[in-house]
Amino acid sequence: MKEKSEKAAALKYSHGKDSAPKLTAKGRGEVAKKIIEIAKTHNIPIREDKELVEFLSMLDLYQEIPPELYRAVAEILAFIYAVNMKAGSMK
């Protein structure tokens, strides 16, 4: 049985500028690995959510996420906020 290839997606959100997060990158296999590598290189928090990445992979690049995904993405933004706060408190 062939193993499914890894998938990744990247979102961007600028508070006060964007009305909703936008999909800025998506891919599977080697492209997914590159997305993850770039995130790690730039200390961008990574959260694994296979179900969400499936939905995100159906979107067009630079498309705002649909309202149906707001809750899931809000949980990720809260995770990133917590990671950033923890990192800031360690300085």
Protein backbone atom coordinates (compact mmCIF):
# COMPACT_ATOMS: atom_id res chain seq x y z
CA MET A 1 0.00 0.00 0.00
CA LYS A 2 1.40 3.37 -1.01
CA GLU A 3 1.83 5.89 1.80
CA LYS A 4 0.11 9.24 1.34
CA SER A 5 2.51 12.08 0.69
CA GLU A 6 2.89 14.82 3.24
CA LYS A 7 0.86 18.00 2.69
CA ALA A 8 1.45 21.50 4.00
CA ALA A 9 -0.21 24.88 3.76
CA ALA A 10 0.81 28.34 4.92
CA LEU A 11 -1.44 31.18 5.98
CA LYS A 12 -0.80 34.89 6.34
CA TYR A 13 -2.86 37.34 8.35
CA SER A 14 -2.16 40.99 9.07
CA HIS A 15 -4.39 42.27 11.86
CA GLY A 16 -6.10 45.49 10.82
CA LYS A 17 -5.15 44.98 7.18
CA ASP A 18 -6.72 41.67 6.18
CA SER A 19 -10.34 40.76 6.77
CA ALA A 20 -9.39 37.06 7.02
CA PRO A 21 -6.26 34.93 6.78
CA LYS A 22 -5.12 34.10 3.25
CA LEU A 23 -3.55 30.95 1.87
CA THR A 24 -0.02 31.87 0.79
CA ALA A 25 1.44 28.44 0.02
CA LYS A 26 0.28 24.88 -0.39
CA GLY A 27 1.75 21.66 -1.64
CA ARG A 28 2.50 18.01 -1.07
CA GLY A 29 5.56 15.84 -1.15
CA GLU A 30 8.72 17.85 -1.81
CA VAL A 31 6.79 21.14 -1.97
CA ALA A 32 5.29 20.44 1.47
CA LYS A 33 8.75 19.68 2.85
CA LYS A 34 10.03 22.99 1.43
CA ILE A 35 7.13 24.92 2.99
CA ILE A 36 7.93 23.36 6.38
CA GLU A 37 11.67 23.97 5.93
CA ILE A 38 11.09 27.66 5.14
CA ALA A 39 8.81 28.02 8.18
CA LYS A 40 11.43 26.45 10.44
CA THR A 41 14.19 28.62 8.97
CA HIS A 42 12.17 31.75 9.76
CA ASN A 43 11.04 30.53 13.21
CA ILE A 44 7.41 30.45 12.08
CA PRO A 45 5.38 28.24 14.42
CA ILE A 46 4.13 25.02 12.81
CA ARG A 47 1.00 23.18 13.83
CA GLU A 48 0.01 19.83 12.40
CA ASP A 49 -3.68 19.52 11.49
CA LYS A 50 -4.20 17.00 8.70
CA GLU A 51 -7.93 17.69 8.37
CA LEU A 52 -7.45 21.45 8.07
CA VAL A 53 -4.63 21.12 5.53
CA GLU A 54 -6.97 18.98 3.40
CA PHE A 55 -9.50 21.82 3.31
CA LEU A 56 -6.83 24.46 2.75
CA SER A 57 -5.36 22.52 -0.15
CA MET A 58 -8.67 22.93 -2.00
CA LEU A 59 -8.38 26.74 -1.91
CA ASP A 60 -6.69 28.89 -4.53
CA LEU A 61 -3.47 30.63 -3.55
CA TYR A 62 -4.00 34.05 -1.95
CA GLN A 63 -7.68 33.23 -1.38
CA GLU A 64 -9.11 34.26 1.97
CA ILE A 65 -10.18 31.31 4.04
CA PRO A 66 -13.94 30.72 3.96
CA PRO A 67 -16.04 31.41 7.06
CA GLU A 68 -16.47 27.67 7.63
CA LEU A 69 -12.76 27.49 8.52
CA TYR A 70 -12.65 30.54 10.81
CA ARG A 71 -12.89 28.52 14.03
CA ALA A 72 -10.13 26.08 13.05
CA VAL A 73 -7.86 28.90 11.92
CA ALA A 74 -8.66 30.93 15.04
CA GLU A 75 -7.39 27.99 17.11
CA ILE A 76 -4.16 28.03 15.12
CA LEU A 77 -3.78 31.80 15.56
CA ALA A 78 -4.30 31.34 19.31
CA PHE A 79 -1.62 28.62 19.27
CA ILE A 80 0.80 30.94 17.44
CA TYR A 81 0.03 33.78 19.84
CA ALA A 82 0.76 31.50 22.80
CA VAL A 83 4.02 30.30 21.22
CA ASN A 84 5.10 33.89 20.55
CA MET A 85 4.19 35.00 24.08
CA LYS A 86 6.16 32.11 25.58
CA ALA A 87 9.16 32.90 23.40
CA GLY A 88 8.95 36.57 24.36
CA SER A 89 8.77 35.76 28.06
CA MET A 90 11.92 33.67 27.81
CA LYS A 91 14.05 36.67 26.77
